Amino acid sequence: MYGALWRLMPGPAWLKVLELLVLLAIVVWALFTWGYPWISDTFVGTDPAID
């Protein structure tokens, strides 16, 4: 999968690395913005507090 992604991206190697880092940053940002809050609201765990 990663080899195919590497071959599909345009430009020299340094530009491909930069593009992949930007894509990774976007994925991490999207997870922290929408993914993790949705998971914490949807799957409510037990309260870890001890009485």
PDB file of N, CA and C in Angstrom:
ATOM      1  N   MET A   1       0.824  -1.185   0.000  1.00  0.00           N
ATOM      2  CA  MET A   1       0.000   0.000   0.000  1.00  0.00           C
ATOM      3  C   MET A   1       0.873   1.256   0.000  1.00  0.00           C
ATOM      4  N   TYR A   2       1.881   1.266   0.855  1.00  0.00           N
ATOM      5  CA  TYR A   2       2.714   2.456   0.944  1.00  0.00           C
ATOM      6  C   TYR A   2       3.560   2.655  -0.302  1.00  0.00           C
ATOM      7  N   GLY A   3       3.967   1.554  -0.902  1.00  0.00           N
ATOM      8  CA  GLY A   3       4.723   1.657  -2.142  1.00  0.00           C
ATOM      9  C   GLY A   3       3.883   2.244  -3.260  1.00  0.00           C
ATOM     10  N   ALA A   4       2.623   1.827  -3.337  1.00  0.00           N
ATOM     11  CA  ALA A   4       1.721   2.371  -4.358  1.00  0.00           C
ATOM     12  C   ALA A   4       1.471   3.858  -4.107  1.00  0.00           C
ATOM     13  N   LEU A   5       1.302   4.218  -2.845  1.00  0.00           N
ATOM     14  CA  LEU A   5       1.104   5.634  -2.514  1.00  0.00           C
ATOM     15  C   LEU A   5       2.340   6.447  -2.890  1.00  0.00           C
ATOM     16  N   TRP A   6       3.506   5.896  -2.616  1.00  0.00           N
ATOM     17  CA  TRP A   6       4.753   6.588  -2.944  1.00  0.00           C
ATOM     18  C   TRP A   6       4.888   6.786  -4.455  1.00  0.00           C
ATOM     19  N   ARG A   7       4.527   5.774  -5.235  1.00  0.00           N
ATOM     20  CA  ARG A   7       4.642   5.884  -6.692  1.00  0.00           C
ATOM     21  C   ARG A   7       3.605   6.837  -7.282  1.00  0.00           C
ATOM     22  N   LEU A   8       2.440   6.964  -6.668  1.00  0.00           N
ATOM     23  CA  LEU A   8       1.384   7.826  -7.202  1.00  0.00           C
ATOM     24  C   LEU A   8       1.620   9.307  -6.932  1.00  0.00           C
ATOM     25  N   MET A   9       2.391   9.625  -5.898  1.00  0.00           N
ATOM     26  CA  MET A   9       2.604  11.019  -5.538  1.00  0.00           C
ATOM     27  C   MET A   9       3.579  11.674  -6.521  1.00  0.00           C
ATOM     28  N   PRO A  10       3.265  12.907  -6.929  1.00  0.00           N
ATOM     29  CA  PRO A  10       4.131  13.586  -7.894  1.00  0.00           C
ATOM     30  C   PRO A  10       5.357  14.203  -7.226  1.00  0.00           C
ATOM     31  N   GLY A  11       6.395  14.409  -8.019  1.00  0.00           N
ATOM     32  CA  GLY A  11       7.557  15.152  -7.571  1.00  0.00           C
ATOM     33  C   GLY A  11       8.717  14.288  -7.136  1.00  0.00           C
ATOM     34  N   PRO A  12       9.820  14.955  -6.765  1.00  0.00           N
ATOM     35  CA  PRO A  12      11.006  14.237  -6.285  1.00  0.00           C
ATOM     36  C   PRO A  12      10.779  13.707  -4.867  1.00  0.00           C
ATOM     37  N   ALA A  13      11.747  12.951  -4.371  1.00  0.00           N
ATOM     38  CA  ALA A  13      11.601  12.276  -3.077  1.00  0.00           C
ATOM     39  C   ALA A  13      11.370  13.259  -1.933  1.00  0.00           C
ATOM     40  N   TRP A  14      12.095  14.390  -1.914  1.00  0.00           N
ATOM     41  CA  TRP A  14      11.922  15.326  -0.802  1.00  0.00           C
ATOM     42  C   TRP A  14      10.519  15.926  -0.793  1.00  0.00           C
ATOM     43  N   LEU A  15       9.929  16.137  -1.968  1.00  0.00           N
ATOM     44  CA  LEU A  15       8.574  16.671  -2.051  1.00  0.00           C
ATOM     45  C   LEU A  15       7.550  15.621  -1.622  1.00  0.00           C
ATOM     46  N   LYS A  16       7.800  14.362  -1.969  1.00  0.00           N
ATOM     47  CA  LYS A  16       6.911  13.287  -1.549  1.00  0.00           C
ATOM     48  C   LYS A  16       6.889  13.165  -0.033  1.00  0.00           C
ATOM     49  N   VAL A  17       8.050  13.275   0.593  1.00  0.00           N
ATOM     50  CA  VAL A  17       8.124  13.219   2.053  1.00  0.00           C
ATOM     51  C   VAL A  17       7.344  14.380   2.664  1.00  0.00           C
ATOM     52  N   LEU A  18       7.500  15.552   2.116  1.00  0.00           N
ATOM     53  CA  LEU A  18       6.778  16.723   2.613  1.00  0.00           C
ATOM     54  C   LEU A  18       5.270  16.549   2.449  1.00  0.00           C
ATOM     55  N   GLU A  19       4.848  16.036   1.301  1.00  0.00           N
ATOM     56  CA  GLU A  19       3.419  15.810   1.060  1.00  0.00           C
ATOM     57  C   GLU A  19       2.850  14.783   2.033  1.00  0.00           C
ATOM     58  N   LEU A  20       3.601  13.719   2.283  1.00  0.00           N
ATOM     59  CA  LEU A  20       3.132  12.697   3.214  1.00  0.00           C
ATOM     60  C   LEU A  20       3.051  13.225   4.640  1.00  0.00           C
ATOM     61  N   LEU A  21       3.984  14.088   5.027  1.00  0.00           N
ATOM     62  CA  LEU A  21       3.925  14.689   6.359  1.00  0.00           C
ATOM     63  C   LEU A  21       2.708  15.607   6.511  1.00  0.00           C
ATOM     64  N   VAL A  22       2.409  16.359   5.453  1.00  0.00           N
ATOM     65  CA  VAL A  22       1.224  17.224   5.482  1.00  0.00           C
ATOM     66  C   VAL A  22      -0.043  16.375   5.559  1.00  0.00           C
ATOM     67  N   LEU A  23      -0.114  15.305   4.783  1.00  0.00           N
ATOM     68  CA  LEU A  23      -1.278  14.419   4.839  1.00  0.00           C
ATOM     69  C   LEU A  23      -1.421  13.781   6.214  1.00  0.00           C
ATOM     70  N   LEU A  24      -0.334  13.379   6.815  1.00  0.00           N
ATOM     71  CA  LEU A  24      -0.371  12.807   8.154  1.00  0.00           C
ATOM     72  C   LEU A  24      -0.871  13.824   9.173  1.00  0.00           C
ATOM     73  N   ALA A  25      -0.405  15.065   9.066  1.00  0.00           N
ATOM     74  CA  ALA A  25      -0.858  16.116   9.971  1.00  0.00           C
ATOM     75  C   ALA A  25      -2.356  16.367   9.816  1.00  0.00           C
ATOM     76  N   ILE A  26      -2.861  16.321   8.592  1.00  0.00           N
ATOM     77  CA  ILE A  26      -4.294  16.522   8.356  1.00  0.00           C
ATOM     78  C   ILE A  26      -5.101  15.381   8.974  1.00  0.00           C
ATOM     79  N   VAL A  27      -4.626  14.153   8.839  1.00  0.00           N
ATOM     80  CA  VAL A  27      -5.334  13.011   9.420  1.00  0.00           C
ATOM     81  C   VAL A  27      -5.360  13.107  10.941  1.00  0.00           C
ATOM     82  N   VAL A  28      -4.238  13.448  11.554  1.00  0.00           N
ATOM     83  CA  VAL A  28      -4.179  13.586  13.008  1.00  0.00           C
ATOM     84  C   VAL A  28      -5.099  14.712  13.467  1.00  0.00           C
ATOM     85  N   TRP A  29      -5.090  15.827  12.772  1.00  0.00           N
ATOM     86  CA  TRP A  29      -5.971  16.954  13.113  1.00  0.00           C
ATOM     87  C   TRP A  29      -7.439  16.551  13.018  1.00  0.00           C
ATOM     88  N   ALA A  30      -7.804  15.833  11.956  1.00  0.00           N
ATOM     89  CA  ALA A  30      -9.192  15.407  11.778  1.00  0.00           C
ATOM     90  C   ALA A  30      -9.608  14.444  12.884  1.00  0.00           C
ATOM     91  N   LEU A  31      -8.723  13.550  13.278  1.00  0.00           N
ATOM     92  CA  LEU A  31      -9.058  12.627  14.361  1.00  0.00           C
ATOM     93  C   LEU A  31      -9.293  13.366  15.674  1.00  0.00           C
ATOM     94  N   PHE A  32      -8.426  14.315  16.005  1.00  0.00           N
ATOM     95  CA  PHE A  32      -8.591  15.056  17.251  1.00  0.00           C
ATOM     96  C   PHE A  32      -9.789  15.998  17.206  1.00  0.00           C
ATOM     97  N   THR A  33     -10.148  16.475  16.018  1.00  0.00           N
ATOM     98  CA  THR A  33     -11.269  17.400  15.896  1.00  0.00           C
ATOM     99  C   THR A  33     -12.605  16.679  15.887  1.00  0.00           C
ATOM    100  N   TRP A  34     -12.713  15.586  15.109  1.00  0.00           N
ATOM    101  CA  TRP A  34     -14.016  14.927  14.945  1.00  0.00           C
ATOM    102  C   TRP A  34     -14.042  13.495  15.444  1.00  0.00           C
ATOM    103  N   GLY A  35     -12.998  12.744  15.212  1.00  0.00           N
ATOM    104  CA  GLY A  35     -13.011  11.313  15.513  1.00  0.00           C
ATOM    105  C   GLY A  35     -13.059  11.004  16.995  1.00  0.00           C
ATOM    106  N   TYR A  36     -12.096  11.493  17.747  1.00  0.00           N
ATOM    107  CA  TYR A  36     -12.026  11.170  19.167  1.00  0.00           C
ATOM    108  C   TYR A  36     -13.187  11.757  19.971  1.00  0.00           C
ATOM    109  N   PRO A  37     -13.630  12.992  19.724  1.00  0.00           N
ATOM    110  CA  PRO A  37     -14.825  13.469  20.450  1.00  0.00           C
ATOM    111  C   PRO A  37     -16.064  12.621  20.157  1.00  0.00           C
ATOM    112  N   TRP A  38     -16.236  12.178  18.919  1.00  0.00           N
ATOM    113  CA  TRP A  38     -17.384  11.332  18.589  1.00  0.00           C
ATOM    114  C   TRP A  38     -17.313  10.008  19.335  1.00  0.00           C
ATOM    115  N   ILE A  39     -16.115   9.430  19.405  1.00  0.00           N
ATOM    116  CA  ILE A  39     -15.951   8.162  20.112  1.00  0.00           C
ATOM    117  C   ILE A  39     -16.242   8.326  21.597  1.00  0.00           C
ATOM    118  N   SER A  40     -15.756   9.403  22.206  1.00  0.00           N
ATOM    119  CA  SER A  40     -15.984   9.591  23.638  1.00  0.00           C
ATOM    120  C   SER A  40     -17.446   9.875  23.946  1.00  0.00           C
ATOM    121  N   ASP A  41     -18.177  10.512  23.033  1.00  0.00           N
ATOM    122  CA  ASP A  41     -19.605  10.744  23.247  1.00  0.00           C
ATOM    123  C   ASP A  41     -20.432   9.494  22.976  1.00  0.00           C
ATOM    124  N   THR A  42     -20.024   8.700  22.019  1.00  0.00           N
ATOM    125  CA  THR A  42     -20.800   7.530  21.618  1.00  0.00           C
ATOM    126  C   THR A  42     -20.582   6.355  22.560  1.00  0.00           C
ATOM    127  N   PHE A  43     -19.354   6.087  22.912  1.00  0.00           N
ATOM    128  CA  PHE A  43     -19.035   4.934  23.741  1.00  0.00           C
ATOM    129  C   PHE A  43     -18.653   5.404  25.141  1.00  0.00           C
ATOM    130  N   VAL A  44     -19.656   5.653  25.950  1.00  0.00           N
ATOM    131  CA  VAL A  44     -19.428   6.138  27.301  1.00  0.00           C
ATOM    132  C   VAL A  44     -19.001   4.953  28.162  1.00  0.00           C
ATOM    133  N   GLY A  45     -17.845   5.078  28.770  1.00  0.00           N
ATOM    134  CA  GLY A  45     -17.333   4.025  29.625  1.00  0.00           C
ATOM    135  C   GLY A  45     -17.849   4.178  31.043  1.00  0.00           C
ATOM    136  N   THR A  46     -17.392   3.313  31.899  1.00  0.00           N
ATOM    137  CA  THR A  46     -17.783   3.400  33.299  1.00  0.00           C
ATOM    138  C   THR A  46     -16.990   4.494  33.985  1.00  0.00           C
ATOM    139  N   ASP A  47     -17.534   4.996  35.057  1.00  0.00           N
ATOM    140  CA  ASP A  47     -16.864   6.064  35.813  1.00  0.00           C
ATOM    141  C   ASP A  47     -15.751   5.435  36.647  1.00  0.00           C
ATOM    142  N   PRO A  48     -14.518   5.854  36.456  1.00  0.00           N
ATOM    143  CA  PRO A  48     -13.412   5.225  37.197  1.00  0.00           C
ATOM    144  C   PRO A  48     -13.269   5.736  38.628  1.00  0.00           C
ATOM    145  N   ALA A  49     -14.091   6.708  39.021  1.00  0.00           N
ATOM    146  CA  ALA A  49     -13.975   7.270  40.371  1.00  0.00           C
ATOM    147  C   ALA A  49     -14.448   6.262  41.409  1.00  0.00           C
ATOM    148  N   ILE A  50     -13.759   6.219  42.506  1.00  0.00           N
ATOM    149  CA  ILE A  50     -14.125   5.322  43.608  1.00  0.00           C
ATOM    150  C   ILE A  50     -14.817   6.145  44.682  1.00  0.00           C
ATOM    151  N   ASP A  51     -15.955   5.637  45.166  1.00  0.00           N
ATOM    152  CA  ASP A  51     -16.703   6.368  46.205  1.00  0.00           C
ATOM    153  C   ASP A  51     -16.037   6.264  47.537  1.00  0.00           C
TER     154      ASP A  51
END
